[in-house]
PDB file of all heavy atoms in Angstrom:
ATOM      1  N   GLU A   1       0.813  -1.232   0.023  1.00  0.00           N
ATOM      2  CA  GLU A   1       0.009  -0.008  -0.007  1.00  0.00           C
ATOM      3  C   GLU A   1       0.857   1.266   0.011  1.00  0.00           C
ATOM      4  O   GLU A   1       0.391   2.323  -0.412  1.00  0.00           O
ATOM      5  CB  GLU A   1      -0.966  -0.017   1.183  1.00  0.00           C
ATOM      6  CG  GLU A   1      -2.069  -1.030   1.044  1.00  0.00           C
ATOM      7  CD  GLU A   1      -3.239  -0.794   1.990  1.00  0.00           C
ATOM      8  OE1 GLU A   1      -3.779   0.328   2.033  1.00  0.00           O
ATOM      9  OE2 GLU A   1      -3.580  -1.729   2.714  1.00  0.00           O
ATOM     10  N   GLY A   2       2.106   1.166   0.457  1.00  0.00           N
ATOM     11  CA  GLY A   2       2.987   2.328   0.354  1.00  0.00           C
ATOM     12  C   GLY A   2       3.216   2.688  -1.115  1.00  0.00           C
ATOM     13  O   GLY A   2       3.117   3.885  -1.502  1.00  0.00           O
ATOM     14  N   GLU A   3       3.454   1.704  -1.956  1.00  0.00           N
ATOM     15  CA  GLU A   3       3.684   1.958  -3.376  1.00  0.00           C
ATOM     16  C   GLU A   3       2.381   2.330  -4.091  1.00  0.00           C
ATOM     17  O   GLU A   3       2.381   3.186  -4.985  1.00  0.00           O
ATOM     18  CB  GLU A   3       4.284   0.733  -4.048  1.00  0.00           C
ATOM     19  CG  GLU A   3       5.668   0.410  -3.551  1.00  0.00           C
ATOM     20  CD  GLU A   3       6.621   1.587  -3.561  1.00  0.00           C
ATOM     21  OE1 GLU A   3       6.692   2.272  -4.649  1.00  0.00           O
ATOM     22  OE2 GLU A   3       7.312   1.849  -2.563  1.00  0.00           O
ATOM     23  N   VAL A   4       1.290   1.740  -3.639  1.00  0.00           N
ATOM     24  CA  VAL A   4      -0.014   2.101  -4.202  1.00  0.00           C
ATOM     25  C   VAL A   4      -0.301   3.579  -3.939  1.00  0.00           C
ATOM     26  O   VAL A   4      -0.744   4.339  -4.845  1.00  0.00           O
ATOM     27  CB  VAL A   4      -1.121   1.229  -3.549  1.00  0.00           C
ATOM     28  CG1 VAL A   4      -2.545   1.793  -3.848  1.00  0.00           C
ATOM     29  CG2 VAL A   4      -1.035  -0.200  -4.067  1.00  0.00           C
ATOM     30  N   CYS A   5      -0.026   4.017  -2.717  1.00  0.00           N
ATOM     31  CA  CYS A   5      -0.278   5.424  -2.339  1.00  0.00           C
ATOM     32  C   CYS A   5       0.616   6.361  -3.157  1.00  0.00           C
ATOM     33  O   CYS A   5       0.161   7.430  -3.562  1.00  0.00           O
ATOM     34  CB  CYS A   5      -0.071   5.610  -0.845  1.00  0.00           C
ATOM     35  SG  CYS A   5      -0.919   6.996  -0.119  1.00  0.00           S
ATOM     36  N   ALA A   6       1.835   5.977  -3.381  1.00  0.00           N
ATOM     37  CA  ALA A   6       2.757   6.805  -4.183  1.00  0.00           C
ATOM     38  C   ALA A   6       2.227   6.988  -5.624  1.00  0.00           C
ATOM     39  O   ALA A   6       2.242   8.106  -6.169  1.00  0.00           O
ATOM     40  CB  ALA A   6       4.144   6.199  -4.199  1.00  0.00           C
ATOM     41  N   LEU A   7       1.774   5.918  -6.221  1.00  0.00           N
ATOM     42  CA  LEU A   7       1.205   6.035  -7.599  1.00  0.00           C
ATOM     43  C   LEU A   7      -0.067   6.812  -7.591  1.00  0.00           C
ATOM     44  O   LEU A   7      -0.307   7.616  -8.504  1.00  0.00           O
ATOM     45  CB  LEU A   7       1.006   4.628  -8.171  1.00  0.00           C
ATOM     46  CG  LEU A   7       0.468   4.565  -9.631  1.00  0.00           C
ATOM     47  CD1 LEU A   7       1.430   5.280 -10.566  1.00  0.00           C
ATOM     48  CD2 LEU A   7       0.213   3.131 -10.042  1.00  0.00           C
ATOM     49  N   ALA A   8      -0.892   6.581  -6.604  1.00  0.00           N
ATOM     50  CA  ALA A   8      -2.179   7.334  -6.506  1.00  0.00           C
ATOM     51  C   ALA A   8      -1.926   8.822  -6.457  1.00  0.00           C
ATOM     52  O   ALA A   8      -2.757   9.602  -6.984  1.00  0.00           O
ATOM     53  CB  ALA A   8      -2.975   6.876  -5.289  1.00  0.00           C
ATOM     54  N   ALA A   9      -0.887   9.262  -5.839  1.00  0.00           N
ATOM     55  CA  ALA A   9      -0.590  10.700  -5.685  1.00  0.00           C
ATOM     56  C   ALA A   9      -0.489  11.397  -7.038  1.00  0.00           C
ATOM     57  O   ALA A   9      -0.828  12.582  -7.173  1.00  0.00           O
ATOM     58  CB  ALA A   9       0.684  10.913  -4.877  1.00  0.00           C
ATOM     59  N   SER A  10      -0.018  10.677  -8.039  1.00  0.00           N
ATOM     60  CA  SER A  10       0.131  11.307  -9.362  1.00  0.00           C
ATOM     61  C   SER A  10      -1.088  11.134 -10.260  1.00  0.00           C
ATOM     62  O   SER A  10      -1.151  11.777 -11.308  1.00  0.00           O
ATOM     63  CB  SER A  10       1.359  10.651 -10.109  1.00  0.00           C
ATOM     64  OG  SER A  10       1.121   9.281 -10.353  1.00  0.00           O
ATOM     65  N   ARG A  11      -2.096  10.385  -9.820  1.00  0.00           N
ATOM     66  CA  ARG A  11      -3.256  10.125 -10.673  1.00  0.00           C
ATOM     67  C   ARG A  11      -4.621  10.449 -10.031  1.00  0.00           C
ATOM     68  O   ARG A  11      -5.607  10.492 -10.727  1.00  0.00           O
ATOM     69  CB  ARG A  11      -3.256   8.650 -11.051  1.00  0.00           C
ATOM     70  CG  ARG A  11      -2.013   8.229 -11.872  1.00  0.00           C
ATOM     71  CD  ARG A  11      -2.088   6.783 -12.300  1.00  0.00           C
ATOM     72  NE  ARG A  11      -0.926   6.405 -13.108  1.00  0.00           N
ATOM     73  CZ  ARG A  11      -0.707   5.188 -13.611  1.00  0.00           C
ATOM     74  NH1 ARG A  11      -1.578   4.211 -13.385  1.00  0.00           N
ATOM     75  NH2 ARG A  11       0.349   4.960 -14.375  1.00  0.00           N
ATOM     76  N   ILE A  12      -4.613  10.750  -8.752  1.00  0.00           N
ATOM     77  CA  ILE A  12      -5.888  10.982  -8.078  1.00  0.00           C
ATOM     78  C   ILE A  12      -6.517  12.260  -8.554  1.00  0.00           C
ATOM     79  O   ILE A  12      -5.830  13.242  -8.889  1.00  0.00           O
ATOM     80  CB  ILE A  12      -5.652  11.017  -6.533  1.00  0.00           C
ATOM     81  CG1 ILE A  12      -6.985  10.822  -5.788  1.00  0.00           C
ATOM     82  CG2 ILE A  12      -4.902  12.265  -6.102  1.00  0.00           C
ATOM     83  CD1 ILE A  12      -6.794  10.510  -4.323  1.00  0.00           C
ATOM     84  N   ASP A  13      -7.861  12.257  -8.663  1.00  0.00           N
ATOM     85  CA  ASP A  13      -8.546  13.492  -9.132  1.00  0.00           C
ATOM     86  C   ASP A  13      -9.232  14.183  -7.958  1.00  0.00           C
ATOM     87  O   ASP A  13      -9.297  13.620  -6.830  1.00  0.00           O
ATOM     88  CB  ASP A  13      -9.556  13.197 -10.255  1.00  0.00           C
ATOM     89  CG  ASP A  13     -10.646  12.236  -9.830  1.00  0.00           C
ATOM     90  OD1 ASP A  13     -11.122  12.268  -8.660  1.00  0.00           O
ATOM     91  OD2 ASP A  13     -11.069  11.388 -10.655  1.00  0.00           O
ATOM     92  N   ASP A  14      -9.751  15.371  -8.188  1.00  0.00           N
ATOM     93  CA  ASP A  14     -10.294  16.204  -7.110  1.00  0.00           C
ATOM     94  C   ASP A  14     -11.504  15.525  -6.456  1.00  0.00           C
ATOM     95  O   ASP A  14     -11.689  15.610  -5.244  1.00  0.00           O
ATOM     96  CB  ASP A  14     -10.677  17.555  -7.632  1.00  0.00           C
ATOM     97  CG  ASP A  14      -9.465  18.405  -7.961  1.00  0.00           C
ATOM     98  OD1 ASP A  14      -8.351  18.068  -7.504  1.00  0.00           O
ATOM     99  OD2 ASP A  14      -9.612  19.417  -8.699  1.00  0.00           O
ATOM    100  N   SER A  15     -12.330  14.856  -7.285  1.00  0.00           N
ATOM    101  CA  SER A  15     -13.522  14.238  -6.698  1.00  0.00           C
ATOM    102  C   SER A  15     -13.131  13.095  -5.747  1.00  0.00           C
ATOM    103  O   SER A  15     -13.801  12.879  -4.704  1.00  0.00           O
ATOM    104  CB  SER A  15     -14.446  13.686  -7.805  1.00  0.00           C
ATOM    105  OG  SER A  15     -13.820  12.661  -8.542  1.00  0.00           O
ATOM    106  N   GLN A  16     -12.081  12.355  -6.075  1.00  0.00           N
ATOM    107  CA  GLN A  16     -11.631  11.277  -5.206  1.00  0.00           C
ATOM    108  C   GLN A  16     -11.036  11.850  -3.935  1.00  0.00           C
ATOM    109  O   GLN A  16     -11.211  11.302  -2.823  1.00  0.00           O
ATOM    110  CB  GLN A  16     -10.617  10.399  -5.949  1.00  0.00           C
ATOM    111  CG  GLN A  16     -11.251   9.538  -7.025  1.00  0.00           C
ATOM    112  CD  GLN A  16     -10.191   8.874  -7.898  1.00  0.00           C
ATOM    113  OE1 GLN A  16      -9.145   9.468  -8.206  1.00  0.00           O
ATOM    114  NE2 GLN A  16     -10.481   7.632  -8.271  1.00  0.00           N
ATOM    115  N   LEU A  17     -10.325  12.982  -4.024  1.00  0.00           N
ATOM    116  CA  LEU A  17      -9.785  13.633  -2.817  1.00  0.00           C
ATOM    117  C   LEU A  17     -10.911  14.052  -1.892  1.00  0.00           C
ATOM    118  O   LEU A  17     -10.840  13.938  -0.678  1.00  0.00           O
ATOM    119  CB  LEU A  17      -8.964  14.845  -3.225  1.00  0.00           C
ATOM    120  CG  LEU A  17      -7.576  14.522  -3.854  1.00  0.00           C
ATOM    121  CD1 LEU A  17      -6.976  15.757  -4.426  1.00  0.00           C
ATOM    122  CD2 LEU A  17      -6.642  13.930  -2.800  1.00  0.00           C
ATOM    123  N   GLU A  18     -11.995  14.585  -2.457  1.00  0.00           N
ATOM    124  CA  GLU A  18     -13.121  15.015  -1.662  1.00  0.00           C
ATOM    125  C   GLU A  18     -13.815  13.780  -0.989  1.00  0.00           C
ATOM    126  O   GLU A  18     -14.278  13.861   0.154  1.00  0.00           O
ATOM    127  CB  GLU A  18     -14.137  15.800  -2.486  1.00  0.00           C
ATOM    128  CG  GLU A  18     -13.602  17.178  -2.920  1.00  0.00           C
ATOM    129  CD  GLU A  18     -13.009  17.963  -1.761  1.00  0.00           C
ATOM    130  OE1 GLU A  18     -13.742  18.095  -0.714  1.00  0.00           O
ATOM    131  OE2 GLU A  18     -11.850  18.375  -1.833  1.00  0.00           O
ATOM    132  N   GLU A  19     -13.850  12.691  -1.744  1.00  0.00           N
ATOM    133  CA  GLU A  19     -14.479  11.497  -1.175  1.00  0.00           C
ATOM    134  C   GLU A  19     -13.611  10.957  -0.035  1.00  0.00           C
ATOM    135  O   GLU A  19     -14.122  10.431   0.989  1.00  0.00           O
ATOM    136  CB  GLU A  19     -14.618  10.421  -2.270  1.00  0.00           C
ATOM    137  CG  GLU A  19     -15.463   9.197  -1.818  1.00  0.00           C
ATOM    138  CD  GLU A  19     -15.722   8.237  -2.931  1.00  0.00           C
ATOM    139  OE1 GLU A  19     -15.436   8.539  -4.113  1.00  0.00           O
ATOM    140  OE2 GLU A  19     -16.190   7.113  -2.607  1.00  0.00           O
ATOM    141  N   LEU A  20     -12.306  11.031  -0.189  1.00  0.00           N
ATOM    142  CA  LEU A  20     -11.398  10.617   0.905  1.00  0.00           C
ATOM    143  C   LEU A  20     -11.606  11.495   2.136  1.00  0.00           C
ATOM    144  O   LEU A  20     -11.618  10.986   3.260  1.00  0.00           O
ATOM    145  CB  LEU A  20      -9.949  10.709   0.470  1.00  0.00           C
ATOM    146  CG  LEU A  20      -9.434   9.631  -0.484  1.00  0.00           C
ATOM    147  CD1 LEU A  20      -7.975   9.916  -0.904  1.00  0.00           C
ATOM    148  CD2 LEU A  20      -9.475   8.244   0.169  1.00  0.00           C
ATOM    149  N   ALA A  21     -11.799  12.791   1.920  1.00  0.00           N
ATOM    150  CA  ALA A  21     -12.037  13.718   3.036  1.00  0.00           C
ATOM    151  C   ALA A  21     -13.368  13.338   3.734  1.00  0.00           C
ATOM    152  O   ALA A  21     -13.452  13.410   4.974  1.00  0.00           O
ATOM    153  CB  ALA A  21     -12.112  15.144   2.554  1.00  0.00           C
ATOM    154  N   SER A  22     -14.347  12.961   2.961  1.00  0.00           N
ATOM    155  CA  SER A  22     -15.635  12.552   3.506  1.00  0.00           C
ATOM    156  C   SER A  22     -15.508  11.271   4.334  1.00  0.00           C
ATOM    157  O   SER A  22     -16.075  11.137   5.425  1.00  0.00           O
ATOM    158  CB  SER A  22     -16.660  12.344   2.382  1.00  0.00           C
ATOM    159  OG  SER A  22     -17.891  11.887   2.897  1.00  0.00           O
ATOM    160  N   LEU A  23     -14.717  10.334   3.842  1.00  0.00           N
ATOM    161  CA  LEU A  23     -14.508   9.077   4.577  1.00  0.00           C
ATOM    162  C   LEU A  23     -13.712   9.331   5.863  1.00  0.00           C
ATOM    163  O   LEU A  23     -13.961   8.689   6.886  1.00  0.00           O
ATOM    164  CB  LEU A  23     -13.730   8.092   3.704  1.00  0.00           C
ATOM    165  CG  LEU A  23     -14.563   7.456   2.566  1.00  0.00           C
ATOM    166  CD1 LEU A  23     -13.626   6.654   1.626  1.00  0.00           C
ATOM    167  CD2 LEU A  23     -15.615   6.529   3.157  1.00  0.00           C
ATOM    168  N   LEU A  24     -12.810  10.309   5.814  1.00  0.00           N
ATOM    169  CA  LEU A  24     -12.057  10.669   6.991  1.00  0.00           C
ATOM    170  C   LEU A  24     -12.964  11.241   8.057  1.00  0.00           C
ATOM    171  O   LEU A  24     -12.868  10.911   9.242  1.00  0.00           O
ATOM    172  CB  LEU A  24     -10.969  11.695   6.634  1.00  0.00           C
ATOM    173  CG  LEU A  24     -10.000  12.141   7.706  1.00  0.00           C
ATOM    174  CD1 LEU A  24      -9.259  10.954   8.327  1.00  0.00           C
ATOM    175  CD2 LEU A  24      -9.040  13.171   7.158  1.00  0.00           C
ATOM    176  N   ASN A  25     -13.929  12.065   7.633  1.00  0.00           N
ATOM    177  CA  ASN A  25     -14.908  12.606   8.584  1.00  0.00           C
ATOM    178  C   ASN A  25     -15.801  11.490   9.143  1.00  0.00           C
ATOM    179  O   ASN A  25     -16.177  11.528  10.315  1.00  0.00           O
ATOM    180  CB  ASN A  25     -15.770  13.692   7.898  1.00  0.00           C
ATOM    181  CG  ASN A  25     -15.022  14.973   7.703  1.00  0.00           C
ATOM    182  OD1 ASN A  25     -14.136  15.308   8.505  1.00  0.00           O
ATOM    183  ND2 ASN A  25     -15.354  15.725   6.658  1.00  0.00           N
ATOM    184  N   GLU A  26     -16.128  10.527   8.264  1.00  0.00           N
ATOM    185  CA  GLU A  26     -16.957   9.409   8.717  1.00  0.00           C
ATOM    186  C   GLU A  26     -16.215   8.601   9.801  1.00  0.00           C
ATOM    187  O   GLU A  26     -16.769   8.205  10.830  1.00  0.00           O
ATOM    188  CB  GLU A  26     -17.291   8.529   7.535  1.00  0.00           C
ATOM    189  CG  GLU A  26     -18.252   7.367   7.885  1.00  0.00           C
ATOM    190  CD  GLU A  26     -18.658   6.543   6.658  1.00  0.00           C
ATOM    191  OE1 GLU A  26     -18.478   7.031   5.521  1.00  0.00           O
ATOM    192  OE2 GLU A  26     -19.081   5.407   6.848  1.00  0.00           O
ATOM    193  N   MET A  27     -14.889   8.369   9.559  1.00  0.00           N
ATOM    194  CA  MET A  27     -14.088   7.669  10.560  1.00  0.00           C
ATOM    195  C   MET A  27     -14.102   8.419  11.893  1.00  0.00           C
ATOM    196  O   MET A  27     -14.249   7.864  12.969  1.00  0.00           O
ATOM    197  CB  MET A  27     -12.652   7.491  10.085  1.00  0.00           C
ATOM    198  CG  MET A  27     -12.394   6.249   9.254  1.00  0.00           C
ATOM    199  SD  MET A  27     -10.624   6.040   8.916  1.00  0.00           S
ATOM    200  CE  MET A  27     -10.509   6.950   7.374  1.00  0.00           C
ATOM    201  N   ARG A  28     -13.899   9.742  11.786  1.00  0.00           N
ATOM    202  CA  ARG A  28     -13.826  10.583  12.988  1.00  0.00           C
ATOM    203  C   ARG A  28     -15.144  10.499  13.794  1.00  0.00           C
ATOM    204  O   ARG A  28     -15.132  10.339  15.009  1.00  0.00           O
ATOM    205  CB  ARG A  28     -13.526  12.036  12.599  1.00  0.00           C
ATOM    206  CG  ARG A  28     -13.411  12.971  13.788  1.00  0.00           C
ATOM    207  CD  ARG A  28     -13.196  14.386  13.350  1.00  0.00           C
ATOM    208  NE  ARG A  28     -11.896  14.586  12.723  1.00  0.00           N
ATOM    209  CZ  ARG A  28     -11.677  14.781  11.419  1.00  0.00           C
ATOM    210  NH1 ARG A  28     -12.720  14.805  10.587  1.00  0.00           N
ATOM    211  NH2 ARG A  28     -10.462  14.945  10.953  1.00  0.00           N
ATOM    212  N   ASN A  29     -16.247  10.586  13.088  1.00  0.00           N
ATOM    213  CA  ASN A  29     -17.562  10.555  13.761  1.00  0.00           C
ATOM    214  C   ASN A  29     -17.894   9.194  14.312  1.00  0.00           C
ATOM    215  O   ASN A  29     -18.357   9.052  15.447  1.00  0.00           O
ATOM    216  CB  ASN A  29     -18.654  10.972  12.755  1.00  0.00           C
ATOM    217  CG  ASN A  29     -18.523  12.432  12.356  1.00  0.00           C
ATOM    218  OD1 ASN A  29     -18.001  13.273  13.118  1.00  0.00           O
ATOM    219  ND2 ASN A  29     -19.018  12.741  11.147  1.00  0.00           N
ATOM    220  N   GLU A  30     -17.585   8.133  13.545  1.00  0.00           N
ATOM    221  CA  GLU A  30     -17.943   6.799  13.999  1.00  0.00           C
ATOM    222  C   GLU A  30     -17.012   6.289  15.109  1.00  0.00           C
ATOM    223  O   GLU A  30     -17.390   5.419  15.860  1.00  0.00           O
ATOM    224  CB  GLU A  30     -17.887   5.795  12.804  1.00  0.00           C
ATOM    225  CG  GLU A  30     -18.944   6.013  11.755  1.00  0.00           C
ATOM    226  CD  GLU A  30     -20.393   5.841  12.312  1.00  0.00           C
ATOM    227  OE1 GLU A  30     -20.548   5.390  13.458  1.00  0.00           O
ATOM    228  OE2 GLU A  30     -21.326   6.131  11.553  1.00  0.00           O
ATOM    229  N   ASN A  31     -15.814   6.842  15.246  1.00  0.00           N
ATOM    230  CA  ASN A  31     -14.964   6.492  16.336  1.00  0.00           C
ATOM    231  C   ASN A  31     -15.624   6.758  17.685  1.00  0.00           C
ATOM    232  O   ASN A  31     -15.317   6.092  18.694  1.00  0.00           O
ATOM    233  CB  ASN A  31     -13.622   7.295  16.298  1.00  0.00           C
ATOM    234  CG  ASN A  31     -12.578   6.573  15.469  1.00  0.00           C
ATOM    235  OD1 ASN A  31     -12.747   5.423  15.073  1.00  0.00           O
ATOM    236  ND2 ASN A  31     -11.461   7.256  15.187  1.00  0.00           N
ATOM    237  N   GLU A  32     -16.538   7.693  17.718  1.00  0.00           N
ATOM    238  CA  GLU A  32     -17.230   8.050  18.962  1.00  0.00           C
ATOM    239  C   GLU A  32     -18.467   7.188  19.187  1.00  0.00           C
ATOM    240  O   GLU A  32     -19.044   7.206  20.252  1.00  0.00           O
ATOM    241  CB  GLU A  32     -17.620   9.539  18.932  1.00  0.00           C
ATOM    242  CG  GLU A  32     -16.468  10.466  18.743  1.00  0.00           C
ATOM    243  CD  GLU A  32     -15.440  10.352  19.825  1.00  0.00           C
ATOM    244  OE1 GLU A  32     -15.803  10.146  21.002  1.00  0.00           O
ATOM    245  OE2 GLU A  32     -14.216  10.395  19.517  1.00  0.00           O
ATOM    246  N   HIS A  33     -18.914   6.471  18.157  1.00  0.00           N
ATOM    247  CA  HIS A  33     -20.198   5.756  18.256  1.00  0.00           C
ATOM    248  C   HIS A  33     -20.087   4.274  17.937  1.00  0.00           C
ATOM    249  O   HIS A  33     -20.629   3.438  18.668  1.00  0.00           O
ATOM    250  CB  HIS A  33     -21.218   6.405  17.333  1.00  0.00           C
ATOM    251  CG  HIS A  33     -21.399   7.892  17.517  1.00  0.00           C
ATOM    252  ND1 HIS A  33     -22.008   8.397  18.629  1.00  0.00           N
ATOM    253  CD2 HIS A  33     -21.027   8.905  16.776  1.00  0.00           C
ATOM    254  CE1 HIS A  33     -22.016   9.724  18.556  1.00  0.00           C
ATOM    255  NE2 HIS A  33     -21.407  10.082  17.438  1.00  0.00           N
ATOM    256  N   ASP A  34     -19.424   3.932  16.844  1.00  0.00           N
ATOM    257  CA  ASP A  34     -19.420   2.557  16.370  1.00  0.00           C
ATOM    258  C   ASP A  34     -18.077   2.287  15.680  1.00  0.00           C
ATOM    259  O   ASP A  34     -17.866   2.613  14.540  1.00  0.00           O
ATOM    260  CB  ASP A  34     -20.554   2.344  15.345  1.00  0.00           C
ATOM    261  CG  ASP A  34     -20.725   0.911  14.913  1.00  0.00           C
ATOM    262  OD1 ASP A  34     -19.775   0.114  15.095  1.00  0.00           O
ATOM    263  OD2 ASP A  34     -21.790   0.562  14.337  1.00  0.00           O
ATOM    264  N   VAL A  35     -17.168   1.656  16.426  1.00  0.00           N
ATOM    265  CA  VAL A  35     -15.831   1.436  15.942  1.00  0.00           C
ATOM    266  C   VAL A  35     -15.827   0.534  14.698  1.00  0.00           C
ATOM    267  O   VAL A  35     -15.012   0.754  13.772  1.00  0.00           O
ATOM    268  CB  VAL A  35     -14.922   0.850  17.037  1.00  0.00           C
ATOM    269  CG1 VAL A  35     -13.516   0.520  16.505  1.00  0.00           C
ATOM    270  CG2 VAL A  35     -14.796   1.804  18.191  1.00  0.00           C
ATOM    271  N   MET A  36     -16.677  -0.439  14.648  1.00  0.00           N
ATOM    272  CA  MET A  36     -16.704  -1.334  13.470  1.00  0.00           C
ATOM    273  C   MET A  36     -17.160  -0.547  12.217  1.00  0.00           C
ATOM    274  O   MET A  36     -16.632  -0.819  11.149  1.00  0.00           O
ATOM    275  CB  MET A  36     -17.665  -2.518  13.768  1.00  0.00           C
ATOM    276  CG  MET A  36     -17.149  -3.437  14.816  1.00  0.00           C
ATOM    277  SD  MET A  36     -18.066  -4.978  14.990  1.00  0.00           S
ATOM    278  CE  MET A  36     -17.593  -5.815  13.483  1.00  0.00           C
ATOM    279  N   ALA A  37     -18.041   0.438  12.387  1.00  0.00           N
ATOM    280  CA  ALA A  37     -18.441   1.272  11.243  1.00  0.00           C
ATOM    281  C   ALA A  37     -17.227   2.163  10.851  1.00  0.00           C
ATOM    282  O   ALA A  37     -17.022   2.391   9.663  1.00  0.00           O
ATOM    283  CB  ALA A  37     -19.618   2.135  11.638  1.00  0.00           C
ATOM    284  N   SER A  38     -16.472   2.593  11.829  1.00  0.00           N
ATOM    285  CA  SER A  38     -15.280   3.377  11.514  1.00  0.00           C
ATOM    286  C   SER A  38     -14.222   2.561  10.778  1.00  0.00           C
ATOM    287  O   SER A  38     -13.583   3.001   9.848  1.00  0.00           O
ATOM    288  CB  SER A  38     -14.655   3.906  12.823  1.00  0.00           C
ATOM    289  OG  SER A  38     -13.483   4.643  12.560  1.00  0.00           O
ATOM    290  N   GLU A  39     -14.133   1.296  11.173  1.00  0.00           N
ATOM    291  CA  GLU A  39     -13.184   0.371  10.488  1.00  0.00           C
ATOM    292  C   GLU A  39     -13.618   0.104   9.057  1.00  0.00           C
ATOM    293  O   GLU A  39     -12.790  -0.045   8.149  1.00  0.00           O
ATOM    294  CB  GLU A  39     -13.062  -0.949  11.257  1.00  0.00           C
ATOM    295  CG  GLU A  39     -12.339  -0.779  12.614  1.00  0.00           C
ATOM    296  CD  GLU A  39     -12.340  -2.067  13.433  1.00  0.00           C
ATOM    297  OE1 GLU A  39     -12.963  -3.048  12.968  1.00  0.00           O
ATOM    298  OE2 GLU A  39     -11.740  -2.069  14.521  1.00  0.00           O
ATOM    299  N   ASP A  40     -14.945   0.053   8.834  1.00  0.00           N
ATOM    300  CA  ASP A  40     -15.428  -0.093   7.459  1.00  0.00           C
ATOM    301  C   ASP A  40     -15.104   1.137   6.604  1.00  0.00           C
ATOM    302  O   ASP A  40     -14.692   0.982   5.448  1.00  0.00           O
ATOM    303  CB  ASP A  40     -16.954  -0.304   7.489  1.00  0.00           C
ATOM    304  CG  ASP A  40     -17.541  -0.444   6.097  1.00  0.00           C
ATOM    305  OD1 ASP A  40     -17.252  -1.457   5.451  1.00  0.00           O
ATOM    306  OD2 ASP A  40     -18.286   0.445   5.635  1.00  0.00           O
TER     307      ASP A  40
END
């Protein structure tokens, strides 16, 4: 995944970056309520 992430850096688009930000917020919120949902 280290190499995957390196390649992704040169190819990722703005919509995928925003989706990653949304998933990050989901992790943050679910950490307080449902850890298994956060892990998903």
